Amino acid sequence: MNLTVGEAKASRLSLIKRCLRQPLLHFLIAGFALFGLYGGLHRSTVNQDPQRIEITPEVVQWIAISWLARWQRPASEQQLQGLIDEYVKEEILYREALKLGLDKDDTIIRRRLAQKMDFLAEDVASLREPAPGVLEAWYNRHPDQYAPPPLATFHHLFFALDKRGADARVQAQAALSSLTDKHSGDGDAFMFNSAYSEQSQDQVARVFGSKFAVSLFKQAPGGWVGPVESGFGWHLVWIDTLAKPPAPAFETVAQQVKSDWLFEQRSKSKRANFDALKARYEVVVTLPASADGIAASQTERPQ
């Protein structure tokens, strides 16, 4: 049956409206179904009229699912129509590129197609919402992941490179043996502070450099340590405390926990998807007869 242009447009709009009225559960079911049938929906021209592009209900569902997986909300009617138009444009350019043989022996295209298979598995996994209690259990299994960083309270004596030159470290080492308590000793004037309270490792690194910060947080509190190098010179450091703040309440990090949980679900989905695909293949690897053959192939330049 042939439809007029107006009837075809009305039919398409009716289809779009029906898709938009479907609840999230329908999207989820369709997503998993489309995942299993993806091979039948990809843009292959096998057994197709190369001059005909048919947007079936399944393709519309796949487009809607892809949008939902990316943006975590259904597309509006206008957005879905725009996505369909973009799909048609891409399909036309894709088929024309195939006619020109642009897909042949192209490492970038090969890698991109492999990535898209990974992304497909991620899209399906990202639609899954955690059941009640799942995120709290995840949080309890990974407490260190959400624990605040330790905080250092310390003061230091500074031995400036620009004033003492190459002797700065030697003089700092000599001064260390004469320090009797936390308030003893004198150093050079420092452009920032001589004492710091409850500083994280990142905060310390912003002033003294990462090498200094890493070294500082490896020390035990309650005594002088050093010399410790910074970009300014050498330091003798008295660490008062290295305190670990209490873990945050779950409610304050719930969004981050959910993001981390979804990341793991996507990773698991990708692994499971690949394992299922790999099971369909027999992989045979034949190495060169000797290590010299491998070395020779690595030094050959492509023609």
C-alpha atoms as a PDB file:
ATOM      1  CA  MET A   1       0.000   0.000   0.000  1.00  0.00           C
ATOM      2  CA  ASN A   2       1.415   3.375  -1.024  1.00  0.00           C
ATOM      3  CA  LEU A   3       1.040   6.288   1.365  1.00  0.00           C
ATOM      4  CA  THR A   4       0.853   9.925   0.462  1.00  0.00           C
ATOM      5  CA  VAL A   5       3.537  12.246   1.807  1.00  0.00           C
ATOM      6  CA  GLY A   6       1.090  13.584   4.399  1.00  0.00           C
ATOM      7  CA  GLU A   7       0.036  10.101   5.477  1.00  0.00           C
ATOM      8  CA  ALA A   8       3.652   8.954   5.726  1.00  0.00           C
ATOM      9  CA  LYS A   9       4.537  11.967   7.873  1.00  0.00           C
ATOM     10  CA  ALA A  10       1.495  11.416  10.101  1.00  0.00           C
ATOM     11  CA  SER A  11       2.428   7.747  10.459  1.00  0.00           C
ATOM     12  CA  ARG A  12       5.970   8.659  11.468  1.00  0.00           C
ATOM     13  CA  LEU A  13       4.778  11.209  14.034  1.00  0.00           C
ATOM     14  CA  SER A  14       2.346   8.661  15.449  1.00  0.00           C
ATOM     15  CA  LEU A  15       5.183   6.171  15.814  1.00  0.00           C
ATOM     16  CA  ILE A  16       7.356   8.762  17.553  1.00  0.00           C
ATOM     17  CA  LYS A  17       4.573   9.642  19.991  1.00  0.00           C
ATOM     18  CA  ARG A  18       4.025   5.995  20.861  1.00  0.00           C
ATOM     19  CA  CYS A  19       7.756   5.586  21.536  1.00  0.00           C
ATOM     20  CA  LEU A  20       7.807   8.638  23.779  1.00  0.00           C
ATOM     21  CA  ARG A  21       4.823   7.428  25.815  1.00  0.00           C
ATOM     22  CA  GLN A  22       6.523   4.144  26.690  1.00  0.00           C
ATOM     23  CA  PRO A  23       7.805   3.939  30.275  1.00  0.00           C
ATOM     24  CA  LEU A  24      11.423   3.413  31.198  1.00  0.00           C
ATOM     25  CA  LEU A  25      10.874  -0.323  31.658  1.00  0.00           C
ATOM     26  CA  HIS A  26       9.993  -0.614  27.989  1.00  0.00           C
ATOM     27  CA  PHE A  27      13.200   1.159  27.090  1.00  0.00           C
ATOM     28  CA  LEU A  28      15.170  -1.245  29.248  1.00  0.00           C
ATOM     29  CA  ILE A  29      13.559  -4.321  27.726  1.00  0.00           C
ATOM     30  CA  ALA A  30      14.033  -2.942  24.245  1.00  0.00           C
ATOM     31  CA  GLY A  31      17.636  -2.082  25.060  1.00  0.00           C
ATOM     32  CA  PHE A  32      18.540  -5.618  26.024  1.00  0.00           C
ATOM     33  CA  ALA A  33      16.634  -6.993  23.052  1.00  0.00           C
ATOM     34  CA  LEU A  34      18.382  -4.606  20.698  1.00  0.00           C
ATOM     35  CA  PHE A  35      21.706  -5.521  22.238  1.00  0.00           C
ATOM     36  CA  GLY A  36      21.110  -9.153  21.284  1.00  0.00           C
ATOM     37  CA  LEU A  37      19.878  -8.217  17.814  1.00  0.00           C
ATOM     38  CA  TYR A  38      22.404  -5.499  17.104  1.00  0.00           C
ATOM     39  CA  GLY A  39      23.978  -7.485  14.306  1.00  0.00           C
ATOM     40  CA  GLY A  40      20.661  -7.339  12.465  1.00  0.00           C
ATOM     41  CA  LEU A  41      20.240  -3.613  12.963  1.00  0.00           C
ATOM     42  CA  HIS A  42      23.704  -2.304  12.079  1.00  0.00           C
ATOM     43  CA  ARG A  43      24.093  -0.381   8.897  1.00  0.00           C
ATOM     44  CA  SER A  44      24.837  -3.289   6.589  1.00  0.00           C
ATOM     45  CA  THR A  45      23.767  -3.050   2.966  1.00  0.00           C
ATOM     46  CA  VAL A  46      23.496  -6.811   2.550  1.00  0.00           C
ATOM     47  CA  ASN A  47      20.129  -7.800   1.072  1.00  0.00           C
ATOM     48  CA  GLN A  48      19.037  -4.169   1.038  1.00  0.00           C
ATOM     49  CA  ASP A  49      18.066  -1.884  -1.791  1.00  0.00           C
ATOM     50  CA  PRO A  50      21.095   0.444  -1.768  1.00  0.00           C
ATOM     51  CA  GLN A  51      18.889   3.357  -2.768  1.00  0.00           C
ATOM     52  CA  ARG A  52      16.233   2.758  -0.091  1.00  0.00           C
ATOM     53  CA  ILE A  53      16.588   3.727   3.556  1.00  0.00           C
ATOM     54  CA  GLU A  54      13.866   2.312   5.763  1.00  0.00           C
ATOM     55  CA  ILE A  55      13.519   3.542   9.333  1.00  0.00           C
ATOM     56  CA  THR A  56      11.736   0.679  11.066  1.00  0.00           C
ATOM     57  CA  PRO A  57      10.170   0.809  14.546  1.00  0.00           C
ATOM     58  CA  GLU A  58      13.155  -1.216  15.798  1.00  0.00           C
ATOM     59  CA  VAL A  59      15.586   1.388  14.481  1.00  0.00           C
ATOM     60  CA  VAL A  60      13.573   4.179  16.105  1.00  0.00           C
ATOM     61  CA  GLN A  61      13.663   2.262  19.383  1.00  0.00           C
ATOM     62  CA  TRP A  62      17.414   1.797  19.059  1.00  0.00           C
ATOM     63  CA  ILE A  63      17.880   5.526  18.446  1.00  0.00           C
ATOM     64  CA  ALA A  64      15.697   6.357  21.463  1.00  0.00           C
ATOM     65  CA  ILE A  65      17.563   3.860  23.661  1.00  0.00           C
ATOM     66  CA  SER A  66      20.932   5.327  22.650  1.00  0.00           C
ATOM     67  CA  TRP A  67      19.737   8.816  23.625  1.00  0.00           C
ATOM     68  CA  LEU A  68      18.364   7.585  26.940  1.00  0.00           C
ATOM     69  CA  ALA A  69      21.584   5.730  27.777  1.00  0.00           C
ATOM     70  CA  ARG A  70      23.649   8.841  27.139  1.00  0.00           C
ATOM     71  CA  TRP A  71      21.485  11.531  28.731  1.00  0.00           C
ATOM     72  CA  GLN A  72      19.526   9.493  31.318  1.00  0.00           C
ATOM     73  CA  ARG A  73      16.207  10.942  30.119  1.00  0.00           C
ATOM     74  CA  PRO A  74      13.875  10.230  27.196  1.00  0.00           C
ATOM     75  CA  ALA A  75      14.181  12.365  24.079  1.00  0.00           C
ATOM     76  CA  SER A  76      11.407  14.830  23.349  1.00  0.00           C
ATOM     77  CA  GLU A  77       9.366  14.422  20.174  1.00  0.00           C
ATOM     78  CA  GLN A  78      11.370  17.171  18.476  1.00  0.00           C
ATOM     79  CA  GLN A  79      14.676  15.705  19.643  1.00  0.00           C
ATOM     80  CA  LEU A  80      13.746  12.228  18.445  1.00  0.00           C
ATOM     81  CA  GLN A  81      12.766  13.589  15.032  1.00  0.00           C
ATOM     82  CA  GLY A  82      16.133  15.348  14.857  1.00  0.00           C
ATOM     83  CA  LEU A  83      17.925  12.126  15.812  1.00  0.00           C
ATOM     84  CA  ILE A  84      16.095  10.254  13.052  1.00  0.00           C
ATOM     85  CA  ASP A  85      17.070  12.914  10.510  1.00  0.00           C
ATOM     86  CA  GLU A  86      20.688  12.690  11.659  1.00  0.00           C
ATOM     87  CA  TYR A  87      20.560   8.896  11.381  1.00  0.00           C
ATOM     88  CA  VAL A  88      19.317   9.176   7.779  1.00  0.00           C
ATOM     89  CA  LYS A  89      22.099  11.642   6.925  1.00  0.00           C
ATOM     90  CA  GLU A  90      24.711   9.392   8.478  1.00  0.00           C
ATOM     91  CA  GLU A  91      23.301   6.329   6.692  1.00  0.00           C
ATOM     92  CA  ILE A  92      23.512   8.056   3.306  1.00  0.00           C
ATOM     93  CA  LEU A  93      27.118   9.150   3.875  1.00  0.00           C
ATOM     94  CA  TYR A  94      27.978   5.704   5.249  1.00  0.00           C
ATOM     95  CA  ARG A  95      26.661   3.909   2.162  1.00  0.00           C
ATOM     96  CA  GLU A  96      28.406   6.313  -0.178  1.00  0.00           C
ATOM     97  CA  ALA A  97      31.678   5.767   1.709  1.00  0.00           C
ATOM     98  CA  LEU A  98      31.258   2.003   1.310  1.00  0.00           C
ATOM     99  CA  LYS A  99      30.786   2.452  -2.440  1.00  0.00           C
ATOM    100  CA  LEU A 100      34.120   4.258  -2.544  1.00  0.00           C
ATOM    101  CA  GLY A 101      35.793   1.500  -0.510  1.00  0.00           C
ATOM    102  CA  LEU A 102      36.811   3.884   2.255  1.00  0.00           C
ATOM    103  CA  ASP A 103      36.349   1.150   4.870  1.00  0.00           C
ATOM    104  CA  LYS A 104      38.992  -1.170   3.418  1.00  0.00           C
ATOM    105  CA  ASP A 105      42.262  -1.767   5.276  1.00  0.00           C
ATOM    106  CA  ASP A 106      41.736   1.218   7.559  1.00  0.00           C
ATOM    107  CA  THR A 107      43.113   0.678  11.063  1.00  0.00           C
ATOM    108  CA  ILE A 108      41.233   3.667  12.449  1.00  0.00           C
ATOM    109  CA  ILE A 109      37.879   2.392  11.175  1.00  0.00           C
ATOM    110  CA  ARG A 110      38.660  -1.104  12.470  1.00  0.00           C
ATOM    111  CA  ARG A 111      39.485   0.295  15.905  1.00  0.00           C
ATOM    112  CA  ARG A 112      36.449   2.572  15.901  1.00  0.00           C
ATOM    113  CA  LEU A 113      34.087  -0.298  15.104  1.00  0.00           C
ATOM    114  CA  ALA A 114      35.599  -2.317  17.949  1.00  0.00           C
ATOM    115  CA  GLN A 115      35.087   0.654  20.272  1.00  0.00           C
ATOM    116  CA  LYS A 116      31.463   0.951  19.190  1.00  0.00           C
ATOM    117  CA  MET A 117      30.842  -2.653  20.200  1.00  0.00           C
ATOM    118  CA  ASP A 118      32.266  -1.785  23.613  1.00  0.00           C
ATOM    119  CA  PHE A 119      30.098   1.327  23.795  1.00  0.00           C
ATOM    120  CA  LEU A 120      27.024  -0.717  22.954  1.00  0.00           C
ATOM    121  CA  ALA A 121      27.629  -2.962  25.957  1.00  0.00           C
ATOM    122  CA  GLU A 122      28.186   0.132  28.121  1.00  0.00           C
ATOM    123  CA  ASP A 123      24.957   1.740  26.926  1.00  0.00           C
ATOM    124  CA  VAL A 124      22.895  -1.271  27.961  1.00  0.00           C
ATOM    125  CA  ALA A 125      24.608  -1.497  31.365  1.00  0.00           C
ATOM    126  CA  SER A 126      24.106   2.208  32.074  1.00  0.00           C
ATOM    127  CA  LEU A 127      20.321   1.800  31.870  1.00  0.00           C
ATOM    128  CA  ARG A 128      20.267  -0.423  34.922  1.00  0.00           C
ATOM    129  CA  GLU A 129      19.257   1.304  38.140  1.00  0.00           C
ATOM    130  CA  PRO A 130      20.643  -0.082  41.419  1.00  0.00           C
ATOM    131  CA  ALA A 131      18.217  -1.964  43.639  1.00  0.00           C
ATOM    132  CA  PRO A 132      17.572  -0.623  47.163  1.00  0.00           C
ATOM    133  CA  GLY A 133      20.570  -1.192  49.406  1.00  0.00           C
ATOM    134  CA  VAL A 134      23.016  -1.895  46.569  1.00  0.00           C
ATOM    135  CA  LEU A 135      24.769   1.470  46.744  1.00  0.00           C
ATOM    136  CA  GLU A 136      25.051   1.373  50.526  1.00  0.00           C
ATOM    137  CA  ALA A 137      26.618  -2.089  50.274  1.00  0.00           C
ATOM    138  CA  TRP A 138      29.050  -0.812  47.639  1.00  0.00           C
ATOM    139  CA  TYR A 139      29.993   2.104  49.888  1.00  0.00           C
ATOM    140  CA  ASN A 140      30.636  -0.240  52.816  1.00  0.00           C
ATOM    141  CA  ARG A 141      32.843  -2.492  50.666  1.00  0.00           C
ATOM    142  CA  HIS A 142      34.985   0.414  49.452  1.00  0.00           C
ATOM    143  CA  PRO A 143      35.411   2.695  52.485  1.00  0.00           C
ATOM    144  CA  ASP A 144      38.916   3.871  51.531  1.00  0.00           C
ATOM    145  CA  GLN A 145      37.623   5.090  48.175  1.00  0.00           C
ATOM    146  CA  TYR A 146      35.492   7.731  49.890  1.00  0.00           C
ATOM    147  CA  ALA A 147      37.600   8.465  52.962  1.00  0.00           C
ATOM    148  CA  PRO A 148      38.889  12.050  53.155  1.00  0.00           C
ATOM    149  CA  PRO A 149      42.663  12.417  52.783  1.00  0.00           C
ATOM    150  CA  PRO A 150      44.824  12.638  55.913  1.00  0.00           C
ATOM    151  CA  LEU A 151      45.658  16.142  57.107  1.00  0.00           C
ATOM    152  CA  ALA A 152      49.073  17.297  58.299  1.00  0.00           C
ATOM    153  CA  THR A 153      49.787  19.979  60.885  1.00  0.00           C
ATOM    154  CA  PHE A 154      53.461  21.004  60.807  1.00  0.00           C
ATOM    155  CA  HIS A 155      56.025  23.793  60.859  1.00  0.00           C
ATOM    156  CA  HIS A 156      59.415  23.961  59.189  1.00  0.00           C
ATOM    157  CA  LEU A 157      62.839  25.576  59.137  1.00  0.00           C
ATOM    158  CA  PHE A 158      63.909  26.711  55.684  1.00  0.00           C
ATOM    159  CA  PHE A 159      67.418  26.598  54.157  1.00  0.00           C
ATOM    160  CA  ALA A 160      67.318  28.597  50.935  1.00  0.00           C
ATOM    161  CA  LEU A 161      69.156  27.505  47.818  1.00  0.00           C
ATOM    162  CA  ASP A 162      69.443  31.042  46.509  1.00  0.00           C
ATOM    163  CA  LYS A 163      71.131  32.126  49.756  1.00  0.00           C
ATOM    164  CA  ARG A 164      73.224  29.086  50.709  1.00  0.00           C
ATOM    165  CA  GLY A 165      73.768  27.508  47.297  1.00  0.00           C
ATOM    166  CA  ALA A 166      75.046  23.934  47.176  1.00  0.00           C
ATOM    167  CA  ASP A 167      75.692  23.995  50.946  1.00  0.00           C
ATOM    168  CA  ALA A 168      71.983  24.347  51.797  1.00  0.00           C
ATOM    169  CA  ARG A 169      71.400  20.632  52.312  1.00  0.00           C
ATOM    170  CA  VAL A 170      74.612  20.098  54.284  1.00  0.00           C
ATOM    171  CA  GLN A 171      73.812  23.021  56.575  1.00  0.00           C
ATOM    172  CA  ALA A 172      70.254  21.762  57.097  1.00  0.00           C
ATOM    173  CA  GLN A 173      71.594  18.331  58.023  1.00  0.00           C
ATOM    174  CA  ALA A 174      74.034  19.884  60.490  1.00  0.00           C
ATOM    175  CA  ALA A 175      71.268  21.983  62.062  1.00  0.00           C
ATOM    176  CA  LEU A 176      69.078  18.912  62.547  1.00  0.00           C
ATOM    177  CA  SER A 177      71.395  17.447  65.172  1.00  0.00           C
ATOM    178  CA  SER A 178      71.184  20.631  67.277  1.00  0.00           C
ATOM    179  CA  LEU A 179      67.377  20.751  67.493  1.00  0.00           C
ATOM    180  CA  THR A 180      66.222  19.830  70.983  1.00  0.00           C
ATOM    181  CA  ASP A 181      62.463  20.437  70.808  1.00  0.00           C
ATOM    182  CA  LYS A 182      59.751  21.590  68.415  1.00  0.00           C
ATOM    183  CA  HIS A 183      60.405  25.280  69.074  1.00  0.00           C
ATOM    184  CA  SER A 184      64.181  25.281  68.681  1.00  0.00           C
ATOM    185  CA  GLY A 185      66.251  26.255  65.669  1.00  0.00           C
ATOM    186  CA  ASP A 186      66.351  29.073  63.133  1.00  0.00           C
ATOM    187  CA  GLY A 187      66.173  29.040  59.370  1.00  0.00           C
ATOM    188  CA  ASP A 188      65.930  31.465  56.495  1.00  0.00           C
ATOM    189  CA  ALA A 189      62.875  33.594  55.784  1.00  0.00           C
ATOM    190  CA  PHE A 190      60.324  31.689  53.698  1.00  0.00           C
ATOM    191  CA  MET A 191      58.096  33.488  51.196  1.00  0.00           C
ATOM    192  CA  PHE A 192      55.005  31.662  52.452  1.00  0.00           C
ATOM    193  CA  ASN A 193      54.159  30.439  55.963  1.00  0.00           C
ATOM    194  CA  SER A 194      56.431  28.755  58.460  1.00  0.00           C
ATOM    195  CA  ALA A 195      53.532  26.783  60.007  1.00  0.00           C
ATOM    196  CA  TYR A 196      50.557  24.982  58.449  1.00  0.00           C
ATOM    197  CA  SER A 197      47.474  23.452  60.036  1.00  0.00           C
ATOM    198  CA  GLU A 198      45.402  20.528  58.731  1.00  0.00           C
ATOM    199  CA  GLN A 199      46.710  20.489  55.184  1.00  0.00           C
ATOM    200  CA  SER A 200      46.008  17.698  52.711  1.00  0.00           C
ATOM    201  CA  GLN A 201      48.788  16.251  50.583  1.00  0.00           C
ATOM    202  CA  ASP A 202      47.496  18.143  47.557  1.00  0.00           C
ATOM    203  CA  GLN A 203      47.485  21.412  49.486  1.00  0.00           C
ATOM    204  CA  VAL A 204      51.049  20.850  50.669  1.00  0.00           C
ATOM    205  CA  ALA A 205      52.113  19.986  47.114  1.00  0.00           C
ATOM    206  CA  ARG A 206      50.718  23.252  45.787  1.00  0.00           C
ATOM    207  CA  VAL A 207      53.130  25.180  48.034  1.00  0.00           C
ATOM    208  CA  PHE A 208      56.188  22.947  48.358  1.00  0.00           C
ATOM    209  CA  GLY A 209      55.915  20.607  45.362  1.00  0.00           C
ATOM    210  CA  SER A 210      54.808  16.997  45.046  1.00  0.00           C
ATOM    211  CA  LYS A 211      58.169  15.505  46.069  1.00  0.00           C
ATOM    212  CA  PHE A 212      58.080  17.372  49.386  1.00  0.00           C
ATOM    213  CA  ALA A 213      54.430  16.453  49.993  1.00  0.00           C
ATOM    214  CA  VAL A 214      54.933  12.746  49.316  1.00  0.00           C
ATOM    215  CA  SER A 215      57.939  12.641  51.631  1.00  0.00           C
ATOM    216  CA  LEU A 216      56.129  14.564  54.380  1.00  0.00           C
ATOM    217  CA  PHE A 217      53.156  12.204  54.510  1.00  0.00           C
ATOM    218  CA  LYS A 218      55.435   9.188  54.861  1.00  0.00           C
ATOM    219  CA  GLN A 219      56.909  10.498  58.132  1.00  0.00           C
ATOM    220  CA  ALA A 220      55.772   9.812  61.675  1.00  0.00           C
ATOM    221  CA  PRO A 221      54.516  12.804  63.696  1.00  0.00           C
ATOM    222  CA  GLY A 222      56.078  14.050  66.921  1.00  0.00           C
ATOM    223  CA  GLY A 223      59.627  14.913  65.883  1.00  0.00           C
ATOM    224  CA  TRP A 224      61.932  16.682  63.465  1.00  0.00           C
ATOM    225  CA  VAL A 225      62.485  15.088  60.053  1.00  0.00           C
ATOM    226  CA  GLY A 226      64.591  16.059  57.081  1.00  0.00           C
ATOM    227  CA  PRO A 227      66.223  17.580  55.271  1.00  0.00           C
ATOM    228  CA  VAL A 228      63.247  17.486  52.887  1.00  0.00           C
ATOM    229  CA  GLU A 229      63.715  19.046  49.463  1.00  0.00           C
ATOM    230  CA  SER A 230      61.345  21.497  47.795  1.00  0.00           C
ATOM    231  CA  GLY A 231      61.662  23.722  44.772  1.00  0.00           C
ATOM    232  CA  PHE A 232      62.933  26.496  47.062  1.00  0.00           C
ATOM    233  CA  GLY A 233      65.620  24.632  48.968  1.00  0.00           C
ATOM    234  CA  TRP A 234      65.746  22.268  51.956  1.00  0.00           C
ATOM    235  CA  HIS A 235      63.521  22.051  55.010  1.00  0.00           C
ATOM    236  CA  LEU A 236      63.597  20.577  58.482  1.00  0.00           C
ATOM    237  CA  VAL A 237      60.026  19.729  59.409  1.00  0.00           C
ATOM    238  CA  TRP A 238      58.311  19.144  62.744  1.00  0.00           C
ATOM    239  CA  ILE A 239      55.091  17.208  62.202  1.00  0.00           C
ATOM    240  CA  ASP A 240      52.578  17.749  64.990  1.00  0.00           C
ATOM    241  CA  THR A 241      49.850  15.464  63.657  1.00  0.00           C
ATOM    242  CA  LEU A 242      48.868  13.400  60.655  1.00  0.00           C
ATOM    243  CA  ALA A 243      45.147  13.081  61.276  1.00  0.00           C
ATOM    244  CA  LYS A 244      42.660  11.038  59.278  1.00  0.00           C
ATOM    245  CA  PRO A 245      39.233  12.731  59.222  1.00  0.00           C
ATOM    246  CA  PRO A 246      36.145  10.581  59.830  1.00  0.00           C
ATOM    247  CA  ALA A 247      34.525   8.896  56.842  1.00  0.00           C
ATOM    248  CA  PRO A 248      31.673  10.881  55.275  1.00  0.00           C
ATOM    249  CA  ALA A 249      28.078   9.790  55.728  1.00  0.00           C
ATOM    250  CA  PHE A 250      26.761   7.777  52.797  1.00  0.00           C
ATOM    251  CA  GLU A 251      24.187  10.447  51.961  1.00  0.00           C
ATOM    252  CA  THR A 252      26.898  13.044  51.321  1.00  0.00           C
ATOM    253  CA  VAL A 253      28.672  10.900  48.693  1.00  0.00           C
ATOM    254  CA  ALA A 254      25.679   8.995  47.296  1.00  0.00           C
ATOM    255  CA  GLN A 255      26.000  10.500  43.812  1.00  0.00           C
ATOM    256  CA  GLN A 256      29.688   9.622  43.570  1.00  0.00           C
ATOM    257  CA  VAL A 257      28.959   6.120  44.843  1.00  0.00           C
ATOM    258  CA  LYS A 258      26.316   5.685  42.148  1.00  0.00           C
ATOM    259  CA  SER A 259      28.716   6.885  39.450  1.00  0.00           C
ATOM    260  CA  ASP A 260      31.378   4.442  40.627  1.00  0.00           C
ATOM    261  CA  TRP A 261      28.863   1.593  40.801  1.00  0.00           C
ATOM    262  CA  LEU A 262      27.620   2.328  37.266  1.00  0.00           C
ATOM    263  CA  PHE A 263      31.212   2.411  36.016  1.00  0.00           C
ATOM    264  CA  GLU A 264      31.768  -1.072  37.420  1.00  0.00           C
ATOM    265  CA  GLN A 265      28.522  -2.311  35.863  1.00  0.00           C
ATOM    266  CA  ARG A 266      29.608  -0.997  32.473  1.00  0.00           C
ATOM    267  CA  SER A 267      33.002  -2.651  32.836  1.00  0.00           C
ATOM    268  CA  LYS A 268      31.413  -5.970  33.775  1.00  0.00           C
ATOM    269  CA  SER A 269      28.986  -5.702  30.873  1.00  0.00           C
ATOM    270  CA  LYS A 270      31.843  -5.074  28.452  1.00  0.00           C
ATOM    271  CA  ARG A 271      33.799  -8.070  29.755  1.00  0.00           C
ATOM    272  CA  ALA A 272      30.771 -10.372  29.651  1.00  0.00           C
ATOM    273  CA  ASN A 273      29.850  -9.188  26.166  1.00  0.00           C
ATOM    274  CA  PHE A 274      33.357  -9.785  24.855  1.00  0.00           C
ATOM    275  CA  ASP A 275      33.606 -13.208  26.501  1.00  0.00           C
ATOM    276  CA  ALA A 276      30.326 -14.200  24.838  1.00  0.00           C
ATOM    277  CA  LEU A 277      31.536 -12.963  21.452  1.00  0.00           C
ATOM    278  CA  LYS A 278      34.944 -14.603  21.813  1.00  0.00           C
ATOM    279  CA  ALA A 279      33.292 -17.948  22.566  1.00  0.00           C
ATOM    280  CA  ARG A 280      31.962 -17.948  18.987  1.00  0.00           C
ATOM    281  CA  TYR A 281      35.457 -17.911  17.520  1.00  0.00           C
ATOM    282  CA  GLU A 282      38.387 -20.263  17.272  1.00  0.00           C
ATOM    283  CA  VAL A 283      41.554 -18.219  17.697  1.00  0.00           C
ATOM    284  CA  VAL A 284      44.712 -19.677  16.145  1.00  0.00           C
ATOM    285  CA  VAL A 285      48.044 -17.874  16.624  1.00  0.00           C
ATOM    286  CA  THR A 286      51.089 -19.073  14.686  1.00  0.00           C
ATOM    287  CA  LEU A 287      54.304 -17.376  15.752  1.00  0.00           C
ATOM    288  CA  PRO A 288      57.430 -17.119  13.592  1.00  0.00           C
ATOM    289  CA  ALA A 289      59.797 -20.053  13.939  1.00  0.00           C
ATOM    290  CA  SER A 290      62.326 -17.990  15.907  1.00  0.00           C
ATOM    291  CA  ALA A 291      62.644 -14.812  17.899  1.00  0.00           C
ATOM    292  CA  ASP A 292      64.777 -13.444  15.049  1.00  0.00           C
ATOM    293  CA  GLY A 293      61.734 -13.608  12.786  1.00  0.00           C
ATOM    294  CA  ILE A 294      59.732 -11.445  15.183  1.00  0.00           C
ATOM    295  CA  ALA A 295      62.590  -8.949  15.534  1.00  0.00           C
ATOM    296  CA  ALA A 296      62.969  -8.734  11.766  1.00  0.00           C
ATOM    297  CA  SER A 297      59.271  -8.060  11.244  1.00  0.00           C
ATOM    298  CA  GLN A 298      59.399  -5.238  13.783  1.00  0.00           C
ATOM    299  CA  THR A 299      62.245  -3.488  11.977  1.00  0.00           C
ATOM    300  CA  GLU A 300      60.706  -3.733   8.510  1.00  0.00           C
ATOM    301  CA  ARG A 301      59.166  -0.549   7.185  1.00  0.00           C
ATOM    302  CA  PRO A 302      55.743  -0.818   5.554  1.00  0.00           C
ATOM    303  CA  GLN A 303      55.871  -0.345   1.783  1.00  0.00           C
END
